[in-house]
Amino acid sequence: PPGSDGGLELLSTVSEQRLPAEFLPAIREGLAQGLGGV
């Protein structure tokens, strides 16, 4: 469930060697679309 500020919050515990930060904006965009405003 969302934090007190609401909205979409994306956090990562994955190292840069396993998942480069360059892919995080695409993940955030896809999540926002998939969640449809939730």
Full PDB file with SEQRES, HELIX, SHEET, SSBOND, CRYST1, ORIGX, SCALE, CONECT and MASTER records, all heavy atoms in Angstrom:
SEQRES   1 A   38  PRO PRO GLY SER ASP GLY GLY LEU GLU LEU LEU SER THR          
SEQRES   2 A   38  VAL SER GLU GLN ARG LEU PRO ALA GLU PHE LEU PRO ALA          
SEQRES   3 A   38  ILE ARG GLU GLY LEU ALA GLN GLY LEU GLY GLY VAL              
HELIX    1 AA1 ALA A   21  PHE A   23  5                                   3    
HELIX    2 AA2 LEU A   24  LEU A   35  1                                  12    
CRYST1    1.000    1.000    1.000  90.00  90.00  90.00 P 1           1          
ORIGX1      1.000000  0.000000  0.000000        0.00000                         
ORIGX2      0.000000  1.000000  0.000000        0.00000                         
ORIGX3      0.000000  0.000000  1.000000        0.00000                         
SCALE1      1.000000  0.000000  0.000000        0.00000                         
SCALE2      0.000000  1.000000  0.000000        0.00000                         
SCALE3      0.000000  0.000000  1.000000        0.00000                         
ATOM      1  N   PRO A   1       0.848  -1.195   0.000  1.00  0.00           N  
ATOM      2  CA  PRO A   1       0.000   0.000   0.000  1.00  0.00           C  
ATOM      3  C   PRO A   1       0.887   1.250   0.000  1.00  0.00           C  
ATOM      4  O   PRO A   1       2.033   1.204   0.479  1.00  0.00           O  
ATOM      5  CB  PRO A   1      -0.797  -0.135   1.301  1.00  0.00           C  
ATOM      6  CG  PRO A   1      -0.842  -1.617   1.538  1.00  0.00           C  
ATOM      7  CD  PRO A   1       0.507  -2.119   1.078  1.00  0.00           C  
ATOM      8  N   PRO A   2       0.385   2.351  -0.524  1.00  0.00           N  
ATOM      9  CA  PRO A   2       1.218   3.551  -0.659  1.00  0.00           C  
ATOM     10  C   PRO A   2       1.566   4.174   0.686  1.00  0.00           C  
ATOM     11  O   PRO A   2       0.880   3.952   1.687  1.00  0.00           O  
ATOM     12  CB  PRO A   2       0.341   4.498  -1.484  1.00  0.00           C  
ATOM     13  CG  PRO A   2      -1.046   4.059  -1.176  1.00  0.00           C  
ATOM     14  CD  PRO A   2      -0.977   2.574  -0.996  1.00  0.00           C  
ATOM     15  N   GLY A   3       2.621   4.967   0.664  1.00  0.00           N  
ATOM     16  CA  GLY A   3       3.009   5.725   1.844  1.00  0.00           C  
ATOM     17  C   GLY A   3       2.055   6.893   2.068  1.00  0.00           C  
ATOM     18  O   GLY A   3       1.060   7.055   1.352  1.00  0.00           O  
ATOM     19  N   SER A   4       2.370   7.717   3.027  1.00  0.00           N  
ATOM     20  CA  SER A   4       1.479   8.820   3.408  1.00  0.00           C  
ATOM     21  C   SER A   4       1.291   9.855   2.299  1.00  0.00           C  
ATOM     22  O   SER A   4       0.256  10.508   2.237  1.00  0.00           O  
ATOM     23  CB  SER A   4       2.006   9.504   4.662  1.00  0.00           C  
ATOM     24  OG  SER A   4       3.310  10.000   4.430  1.00  0.00           O  
ATOM     25  N   ASP A   5       2.276   9.991   1.405  1.00  0.00           N  
ATOM     26  CA  ASP A   5       2.140  10.983   0.335  1.00  0.00           C  
ATOM     27  C   ASP A   5       1.371  10.450  -0.871  1.00  0.00           C  
ATOM     28  O   ASP A   5       1.071  11.193  -1.796  1.00  0.00           O  
ATOM     29  CB  ASP A   5       3.511  11.498  -0.093  1.00  0.00           C  
ATOM     30  CG  ASP A   5       4.423  10.412  -0.638  1.00  0.00           C  
ATOM     31  OD1 ASP A   5       4.149   9.225  -0.384  1.00  0.00           O  
ATOM     32  OD2 ASP A   5       5.403  10.747  -1.311  1.00  0.00           O  
ATOM     33  N   GLY A   6       1.041   9.153  -0.882  1.00  0.00           N  
ATOM     34  CA  GLY A   6       0.291   8.569  -2.002  1.00  0.00           C  
ATOM     35  C   GLY A   6       1.146   8.500  -3.251  1.00  0.00           C  
ATOM     36  O   GLY A   6       2.349   8.654  -3.211  1.00  0.00           O  
ATOM     37  N   GLY A   7       0.516   8.271  -4.366  1.00  0.00           N  
ATOM     38  CA  GLY A   7       1.248   8.190  -5.629  1.00  0.00           C  
ATOM     39  C   GLY A   7       2.018   6.895  -5.772  1.00  0.00           C  
ATOM     40  O   GLY A   7       1.892   5.969  -4.977  1.00  0.00           O  
ATOM     41  N   LEU A   8       2.840   6.831  -6.801  1.00  0.00           N  
ATOM     42  CA  LEU A   8       3.666   5.665  -7.076  1.00  0.00           C  
ATOM     43  C   LEU A   8       5.062   5.913  -6.530  1.00  0.00           C  
ATOM     44  O   LEU A   8       5.708   6.900  -6.880  1.00  0.00           O  
ATOM     45  CB  LEU A   8       3.736   5.394  -8.588  1.00  0.00           C  
ATOM     46  CG  LEU A   8       4.698   4.308  -9.049  1.00  0.00           C  
ATOM     47  CD1 LEU A   8       4.314   2.949  -8.454  1.00  0.00           C  
ATOM     48  CD2 LEU A   8       4.722   4.230 -10.561  1.00  0.00           C  
ATOM     49  N   GLU A   9       5.503   5.028  -5.668  1.00  0.00           N  
ATOM     50  CA  GLU A   9       6.853   5.109  -5.121  1.00  0.00           C  
ATOM     51  C   GLU A   9       7.614   3.866  -5.591  1.00  0.00           C  
ATOM     52  O   GLU A   9       7.153   2.744  -5.395  1.00  0.00           O  
ATOM     53  CB  GLU A   9       6.795   5.151  -3.601  1.00  0.00           C  
ATOM     54  CG  GLU A   9       8.145   5.267  -2.953  1.00  0.00           C  
ATOM     55  CD  GLU A   9       8.062   5.333  -1.438  1.00  0.00           C  
ATOM     56  OE1 GLU A   9       7.057   4.888  -0.864  1.00  0.00           O  
ATOM     57  OE2 GLU A   9       9.021   5.831  -0.836  1.00  0.00           O  
ATOM     58  N   LEU A  10       8.762   4.062  -6.230  1.00  0.00           N  
ATOM     59  CA  LEU A  10       9.582   2.964  -6.731  1.00  0.00           C  
ATOM     60  C   LEU A  10      10.919   2.979  -6.002  1.00  0.00           C  
ATOM     61  O   LEU A  10      11.651   3.967  -6.059  1.00  0.00           O  
ATOM     62  CB  LEU A  10       9.805   3.084  -8.238  1.00  0.00           C  
ATOM     63  CG  LEU A  10      10.702   2.027  -8.883  1.00  0.00           C  
ATOM     64  CD1 LEU A  10      10.125   0.625  -8.703  1.00  0.00           C  
ATOM     65  CD2 LEU A  10      10.913   2.339 -10.355  1.00  0.00           C  
ATOM     66  N   LEU A  11      11.205   1.885  -5.303  1.00  0.00           N  
ATOM     67  CA  LEU A  11      12.472   1.724  -4.591  1.00  0.00           C  
ATOM     68  C   LEU A  11      13.153   0.467  -5.119  1.00  0.00           C  
ATOM     69  O   LEU A  11      12.484  -0.447  -5.596  1.00  0.00           O  
ATOM     70  CB  LEU A  11      12.224   1.586  -3.087  1.00  0.00           C  
ATOM     71  CG  LEU A  11      11.455   2.721  -2.428  1.00  0.00           C  
ATOM     72  CD1 LEU A  11      11.033   2.331  -1.027  1.00  0.00           C  
ATOM     73  CD2 LEU A  11      12.291   3.977  -2.404  1.00  0.00           C  
ATOM     74  N   SER A  12      14.477   0.420  -4.989  1.00  0.00           N  
ATOM     75  CA  SER A  12      15.206  -0.746  -5.491  1.00  0.00           C  
ATOM     76  C   SER A  12      16.302  -1.149  -4.518  1.00  0.00           C  
ATOM     77  O   SER A  12      17.044  -0.300  -4.026  1.00  0.00           O  
ATOM     78  CB  SER A  12      15.820  -0.441  -6.855  1.00  0.00           C  
ATOM     79  OG  SER A  12      16.568  -1.555  -7.307  1.00  0.00           O  
ATOM     80  N   THR A  13      16.392  -2.461  -4.247  1.00  0.00           N  
ATOM     81  CA  THR A  13      17.498  -3.007  -3.472  1.00  0.00           C  
ATOM     82  C   THR A  13      18.458  -3.758  -4.390  1.00  0.00           C  
ATOM     83  O   THR A  13      19.383  -4.395  -3.913  1.00  0.00           O  
ATOM     84  CB  THR A  13      16.984  -3.983  -2.388  1.00  0.00           C  
ATOM     85  OG1 THR A  13      16.320  -5.072  -3.028  1.00  0.00           O  
ATOM     86  CG2 THR A  13      16.045  -3.297  -1.425  1.00  0.00           C  
ATOM     87  N   VAL A  14      18.240  -3.663  -5.683  1.00  0.00           N  
ATOM     88  CA  VAL A  14      19.021  -4.408  -6.673  1.00  0.00           C  
ATOM     89  C   VAL A  14      20.274  -3.612  -7.042  1.00  0.00           C  
ATOM     90  O   VAL A  14      20.200  -2.408  -7.296  1.00  0.00           O  
ATOM     91  CB  VAL A  14      18.179  -4.689  -7.936  1.00  0.00           C  
ATOM     92  CG1 VAL A  14      18.938  -5.557  -8.916  1.00  0.00           C  
ATOM     93  CG2 VAL A  14      16.850  -5.322  -7.561  1.00  0.00           C  
ATOM     94  N   SER A  15      21.405  -4.291  -7.084  1.00  0.00           N  
ATOM     95  CA  SER A  15      22.657  -3.612  -7.425  1.00  0.00           C  
ATOM     96  C   SER A  15      22.648  -3.174  -8.888  1.00  0.00           C  
ATOM     97  O   SER A  15      21.968  -3.764  -9.731  1.00  0.00           O  
ATOM     98  CB  SER A  15      23.854  -4.534  -7.158  1.00  0.00           C  
ATOM     99  OG  SER A  15      23.887  -5.577  -8.113  1.00  0.00           O  
ATOM    100  N   GLU A  16      23.446  -2.177  -9.157  1.00  0.00           N  
ATOM    101  CA  GLU A  16      23.593  -1.637 -10.511  1.00  0.00           C  
ATOM    102  C   GLU A  16      24.132  -2.702 -11.481  1.00  0.00           C  
ATOM    103  O   GLU A  16      23.808  -2.688 -12.662  1.00  0.00           O  
ATOM    104  CB  GLU A  16      24.543  -0.433 -10.464  1.00  0.00           C  
ATOM    105  CG  GLU A  16      24.805   0.223 -11.784  1.00  0.00           C  
ATOM    106  CD  GLU A  16      23.787   1.272 -12.172  1.00  0.00           C  
ATOM    107  OE1 GLU A  16      22.962   1.672 -11.356  1.00  0.00           O  
ATOM    108  OE2 GLU A  16      23.829   1.688 -13.346  1.00  0.00           O  
ATOM    109  N   GLN A  17      24.913  -3.654 -10.967  1.00  0.00           N  
ATOM    110  CA  GLN A  17      25.457  -4.713 -11.814  1.00  0.00           C  
ATOM    111  C   GLN A  17      24.360  -5.677 -12.272  1.00  0.00           C  
ATOM    112  O   GLN A  17      24.471  -6.284 -13.328  1.00  0.00           O  
ATOM    113  CB  GLN A  17      26.549  -5.511 -11.077  1.00  0.00           C  
ATOM    114  CG  GLN A  17      27.827  -4.748 -10.855  1.00  0.00           C  
ATOM    115  CD  GLN A  17      27.737  -3.806  -9.652  1.00  0.00           C  
ATOM    116  OE1 GLN A  17      26.870  -3.948  -8.804  1.00  0.00           O  
ATOM    117  NE2 GLN A  17      28.626  -2.831  -9.606  1.00  0.00           N  
ATOM    118  N   ARG A  18      23.316  -5.848 -11.480  1.00  0.00           N  
ATOM    119  CA  ARG A  18      22.229  -6.768 -11.832  1.00  0.00           C  
ATOM    120  C   ARG A  18      21.116  -6.063 -12.607  1.00  0.00           C  
ATOM    121  O   ARG A  18      20.459  -6.686 -13.435  1.00  0.00           O  
ATOM    122  CB  ARG A  18      21.658  -7.426 -10.578  1.00  0.00           C  
ATOM    123  CG  ARG A  18      22.649  -8.404  -9.964  1.00  0.00           C  
ATOM    124  CD  ARG A  18      22.044  -9.272  -8.894  1.00  0.00           C  
ATOM    125  NE  ARG A  18      20.934 -10.080  -9.315  1.00  0.00           N  
ATOM    126  CZ  ARG A  18      21.025 -11.254  -9.936  1.00  0.00           C  
ATOM    127  NH1 ARG A  18      22.211 -11.724 -10.256  1.00  0.00           N  
ATOM    128  NH2 ARG A  18      19.949 -11.948 -10.239  1.00  0.00           N  
ATOM    129  N   LEU A  19      20.883  -4.785 -12.310  1.00  0.00           N  
ATOM    130  CA  LEU A  19      19.831  -4.030 -12.995  1.00  0.00           C  
ATOM    131  C   LEU A  19      20.263  -2.567 -13.085  1.00  0.00           C  
ATOM    132  O   LEU A  19      20.111  -1.801 -12.127  1.00  0.00           O  
ATOM    133  CB  LEU A  19      18.499  -4.147 -12.242  1.00  0.00           C  
ATOM    134  CG  LEU A  19      17.297  -3.473 -12.896  1.00  0.00           C  
ATOM    135  CD1 LEU A  19      16.984  -4.112 -14.250  1.00  0.00           C  
ATOM    136  CD2 LEU A  19      16.084  -3.576 -11.991  1.00  0.00           C  
ATOM    137  N   PRO A  20      20.833  -2.165 -14.219  1.00  0.00           N  
ATOM    138  CA  PRO A  20      21.316  -0.790 -14.369  1.00  0.00           C  
ATOM    139  C   PRO A  20      20.201   0.242 -14.182  1.00  0.00           C  
ATOM    140  O   PRO A  20      19.055   0.029 -14.584  1.00  0.00           O  
ATOM    141  CB  PRO A  20      21.857  -0.748 -15.799  1.00  0.00           C  
ATOM    142  CG  PRO A  20      22.184  -2.173 -16.114  1.00  0.00           C  
ATOM    143  CD  PRO A  20      21.142  -2.982 -15.391  1.00  0.00           C  
ATOM    144  N   ALA A  21      20.565   1.359 -13.589  1.00  0.00           N  
ATOM    145  CA  ALA A  21      19.611   2.430 -13.304  1.00  0.00           C  
ATOM    146  C   ALA A  21      18.958   2.972 -14.579  1.00  0.00           C  
ATOM    147  O   ALA A  21      17.865   3.541 -14.512  1.00  0.00           O  
ATOM    148  CB  ALA A  21      20.298   3.560 -12.536  1.00  0.00           C  
ATOM    149  N   GLU A  22      19.571   2.783 -15.728  1.00  0.00           N  
ATOM    150  CA  GLU A  22      19.002   3.289 -16.984  1.00  0.00           C  
ATOM    151  C   GLU A  22      17.631   2.673 -17.290  1.00  0.00           C  
ATOM    152  O   GLU A  22      16.850   3.241 -18.046  1.00  0.00           O  
ATOM    153  CB  GLU A  22      19.947   3.048 -18.152  1.00  0.00           C  
ATOM    154  CG  GLU A  22      20.083   1.583 -18.535  1.00  0.00           C  
ATOM    155  CD  GLU A  22      21.120   1.328 -19.600  1.00  0.00           C  
ATOM    156  OE1 GLU A  22      22.313   1.280 -19.250  1.00  0.00           O  
ATOM    157  OE2 GLU A  22      20.736   1.178 -20.774  1.00  0.00           O  
ATOM    158  N   PHE A  23      17.329   1.495 -16.694  1.00  0.00           N  
ATOM    159  CA  PHE A  23      16.042   0.849 -16.944  1.00  0.00           C  
ATOM    160  C   PHE A  23      14.951   1.270 -15.952  1.00  0.00           C  
ATOM    161  O   PHE A  23      13.779   0.971 -16.164  1.00  0.00           O  
ATOM    162  CB  PHE A  23      16.194  -0.670 -16.938  1.00  0.00           C  
ATOM    163  CG  PHE A  23      17.073  -1.181 -18.043  1.00  0.00           C  
ATOM    164  CD1 PHE A  23      18.253  -1.840 -17.758  1.00  0.00           C  
ATOM    165  CD2 PHE A  23      16.737  -0.980 -19.375  1.00  0.00           C  
ATOM    166  CE1 PHE A  23      19.081  -2.302 -18.768  1.00  0.00           C  
ATOM    167  CE2 PHE A  23      17.552  -1.430 -20.399  1.00  0.00           C  
ATOM    168  CZ  PHE A  23      18.727  -2.103 -20.096  1.00  0.00           C  
ATOM    169  N   LEU A  24      15.320   1.955 -14.879  1.00  0.00           N  
ATOM    170  CA  LEU A  24      14.333   2.330 -13.857  1.00  0.00           C  
ATOM    171  C   LEU A  24      13.246   3.281 -14.376  1.00  0.00           C  
ATOM    172  O   LEU A  24      12.074   3.107 -14.020  1.00  0.00           O  
ATOM    173  CB  LEU A  24      15.027   2.901 -12.626  1.00  0.00           C  
ATOM    174  CG  LEU A  24      15.914   1.900 -11.864  1.00  0.00           C  
ATOM    175  CD1 LEU A  24      16.572   2.580 -10.666  1.00  0.00           C  
ATOM    176  CD2 LEU A  24      15.133   0.678 -11.437  1.00  0.00           C  
ATOM    177  N   PRO A  25      13.573   4.278 -15.216  1.00  0.00           N  
ATOM    178  CA  PRO A  25      12.488   5.118 -15.744  1.00  0.00           C  
ATOM    179  C   PRO A  25      11.458   4.323 -16.554  1.00  0.00           C  
ATOM    180  O   PRO A  25      10.253   4.579 -16.456  1.00  0.00           O  
ATOM    181  CB  PRO A  25      13.207   6.152 -16.617  1.00  0.00           C  
ATOM    182  CG  PRO A  25      14.578   6.228 -16.037  1.00  0.00           C  
ATOM    183  CD  PRO A  25      14.888   4.818 -15.579  1.00  0.00           C  
ATOM    184  N   ALA A  26      11.906   3.346 -17.336  1.00  0.00           N  
ATOM    185  CA  ALA A  26      10.976   2.519 -18.111  1.00  0.00           C  
ATOM    186  C   ALA A  26      10.116   1.668 -17.184  1.00  0.00           C  
ATOM    187  O   ALA A  26       8.911   1.491 -17.420  1.00  0.00           O  
ATOM    188  CB  ALA A  26      11.740   1.626 -19.089  1.00  0.00           C  
ATOM    189  N   ILE A  27      10.721   1.154 -16.112  1.00  0.00           N  
ATOM    190  CA  ILE A  27       9.956   0.376 -15.136  1.00  0.00           C  
ATOM    191  C   ILE A  27       8.910   1.261 -14.470  1.00  0.00           C  
ATOM    192  O   ILE A  27       7.744   0.878 -14.343  1.00  0.00           O  
ATOM    193  CB  ILE A  27      10.898  -0.276 -14.101  1.00  0.00           C  
ATOM    194  CG1 ILE A  27      11.739  -1.362 -14.777  1.00  0.00           C  
ATOM    195  CG2 ILE A  27      10.102  -0.858 -12.932  1.00  0.00           C  
ATOM    196  CD1 ILE A  27      12.827  -1.958 -13.896  1.00  0.00           C  
ATOM    197  N   ARG A  28       9.296   2.454 -14.061  1.00  0.00           N  
ATOM    198  CA  ARG A  28       8.347   3.385 -13.426  1.00  0.00           C  
ATOM    199  C   ARG A  28       7.195   3.714 -14.385  1.00  0.00           C  
ATOM    200  O   ARG A  28       6.033   3.702 -13.992  1.00  0.00           O  
ATOM    201  CB  ARG A  28       9.047   4.667 -12.998  1.00  0.00           C  
ATOM    202  CG  ARG A  28       8.089   5.721 -12.453  1.00  0.00           C  
ATOM    203  CD  ARG A  28       8.804   6.992 -12.036  1.00  0.00           C  
ATOM    204  NE  ARG A  28       9.550   6.825 -10.824  1.00  0.00           N  
ATOM    205  CZ  ARG A  28       9.011   6.795  -9.609  1.00  0.00           C  
ATOM    206  NH1 ARG A  28       7.712   6.935  -9.466  1.00  0.00           N  
ATOM    207  NH2 ARG A  28       9.755   6.645  -8.534  1.00  0.00           N  
ATOM    208  N   GLU A  29       7.513   3.986 -15.629  1.00  0.00           N  
ATOM    209  CA  GLU A  29       6.485   4.313 -16.622  1.00  0.00           C  
ATOM    210  C   GLU A  29       5.517   3.142 -16.821  1.00  0.00           C  
ATOM    211  O   GLU A  29       4.301   3.321 -16.859  1.00  0.00           O  
ATOM    212  CB  GLU A  29       7.161   4.674 -17.945  1.00  0.00           C  
ATOM    213  CG  GLU A  29       6.205   5.129 -19.017  1.00  0.00           C  
ATOM    214  CD  GLU A  29       6.938   5.457 -20.309  1.00  0.00           C  
ATOM    215  OE1 GLU A  29       8.024   6.061 -20.250  1.00  0.00           O  
ATOM    216  OE2 GLU A  29       6.415   5.089 -21.382  1.00  0.00           O  
ATOM    217  N   GLY A  30       6.059   1.925 -16.943  1.00  0.00           N  
ATOM    218  CA  GLY A  30       5.218   0.747 -17.112  1.00  0.00           C  
ATOM    219  C   GLY A  30       4.346   0.487 -15.894  1.00  0.00           C  
ATOM    220  O   GLY A  30       3.169   0.146 -16.021  1.00  0.00           O  
ATOM    221  N   LEU A  31       4.911   0.656 -14.697  1.00  0.00           N  
ATOM    222  CA  LEU A  31       4.126   0.465 -13.470  1.00  0.00           C  
ATOM    223  C   LEU A  31       2.972   1.454 -13.408  1.00  0.00           C  
ATOM    224  O   LEU A  31       1.841   1.077 -13.080  1.00  0.00           O  
ATOM    225  CB  LEU A  31       5.020   0.626 -12.235  1.00  0.00           C  
ATOM    226  CG  LEU A  31       6.001  -0.504 -11.956  1.00  0.00           C  
ATOM    227  CD1 LEU A  31       6.982  -0.096 -10.860  1.00  0.00           C  
ATOM    228  CD2 LEU A  31       5.261  -1.785 -11.580  1.00  0.00           C  
ATOM    229  N   ALA A  32       3.251   2.718 -13.710  1.00  0.00           N  
ATOM    230  CA  ALA A  32       2.195   3.736 -13.674  1.00  0.00           C  
ATOM    231  C   ALA A  32       1.072   3.377 -14.635  1.00  0.00           C  
ATOM    232  O   ALA A  32      -0.112   3.503 -14.298  1.00  0.00           O  
ATOM    233  CB  ALA A  32       2.778   5.109 -14.005  1.00  0.00           C  
ATOM    234  N   GLN A  33       1.422   2.919 -15.811  1.00  0.00           N  
ATOM    235  CA  GLN A  33       0.407   2.541 -16.788  1.00  0.00           C  
ATOM    236  C   GLN A  33      -0.365   1.305 -16.326  1.00  0.00           C  
ATOM    237  O   GLN A  33      -1.585   1.243 -16.424  1.00  0.00           O  
ATOM    238  CB  GLN A  33       1.050   2.284 -18.151  1.00  0.00           C  
ATOM    239  CG  GLN A  33       0.050   2.123 -19.255  1.00  0.00           C  
ATOM    240  CD  GLN A  33       0.722   2.124 -20.614  1.00  0.00           C  
ATOM    241  OE1 GLN A  33       1.927   2.261 -20.746  1.00  0.00           O  
ATOM    242  NE2 GLN A  33      -0.082   1.978 -21.649  1.00  0.00           N  
ATOM    243  N   GLY A  34       0.337   0.299 -15.809  1.00  0.00           N  
ATOM    244  CA  GLY A  34      -0.310  -0.930 -15.370  1.00  0.00           C  
ATOM    245  C   GLY A  34      -1.201  -0.740 -14.158  1.00  0.00           C  
ATOM    246  O   GLY A  34      -2.249  -1.380 -14.039  1.00  0.00           O  
ATOM    247  N   LEU A  35      -0.797   0.137 -13.248  1.00  0.00           N  
ATOM    248  CA  LEU A  35      -1.596   0.389 -12.047  1.00  0.00           C  
ATOM    249  C   LEU A  35      -2.799   1.278 -12.337  1.00  0.00           C  
ATOM    250  O   LEU A  35      -3.723   1.340 -11.532  1.00  0.00           O  
ATOM    251  CB  LEU A  35      -0.722   1.001 -10.946  1.00  0.00           C  
ATOM    252  CG  LEU A  35       0.284   0.045 -10.307  1.00  0.00           C  
ATOM    253  CD1 LEU A  35       1.289   0.805  -9.459  1.00  0.00           C  
ATOM    254  CD2 LEU A  35      -0.431  -1.012  -9.486  1.00  0.00           C  
ATOM    255  N   GLY A  36      -2.791   1.964 -13.459  1.00  0.00           N  
ATOM    256  CA  GLY A  36      -3.944   2.747 -13.887  1.00  0.00           C  
ATOM    257  C   GLY A  36      -4.463   3.753 -12.874  1.00  0.00           C  
ATOM    258  O   GLY A  36      -5.663   3.852 -12.655  1.00  0.00           O  
ATOM    259  N   GLY A  37      -3.578   4.479 -12.218  1.00  0.00           N  
ATOM    260  CA  GLY A  37      -4.006   5.497 -11.271  1.00  0.00           C  
ATOM    261  C   GLY A  37      -4.096   5.015  -9.831  1.00  0.00           C  
ATOM    262  O   GLY A  37      -4.345   5.808  -8.933  1.00  0.00           O  
ATOM    263  N   VAL A  38      -3.890   3.735  -9.589  1.00  0.00           N  
ATOM    264  CA  VAL A  38      -3.869   3.212  -8.217  1.00  0.00           C  
ATOM    265  C   VAL A  38      -2.468   3.462  -7.658  1.00  0.00           C  
ATOM    266  O   VAL A  38      -1.475   3.125  -8.286  1.00  0.00           O  
ATOM    267  CB  VAL A  38      -4.206   1.701  -8.192  1.00  0.00           C  
ATOM    268  CG1 VAL A  38      -4.031   1.117  -6.792  1.00  0.00           C  
ATOM    269  CG2 VAL A  38      -5.617   1.469  -8.699  1.00  0.00           C  
TER     270      VAL A  38                                                      
MASTER        0    0    0    2    0    0    0    6  269    1    0    3          
END                                                                             
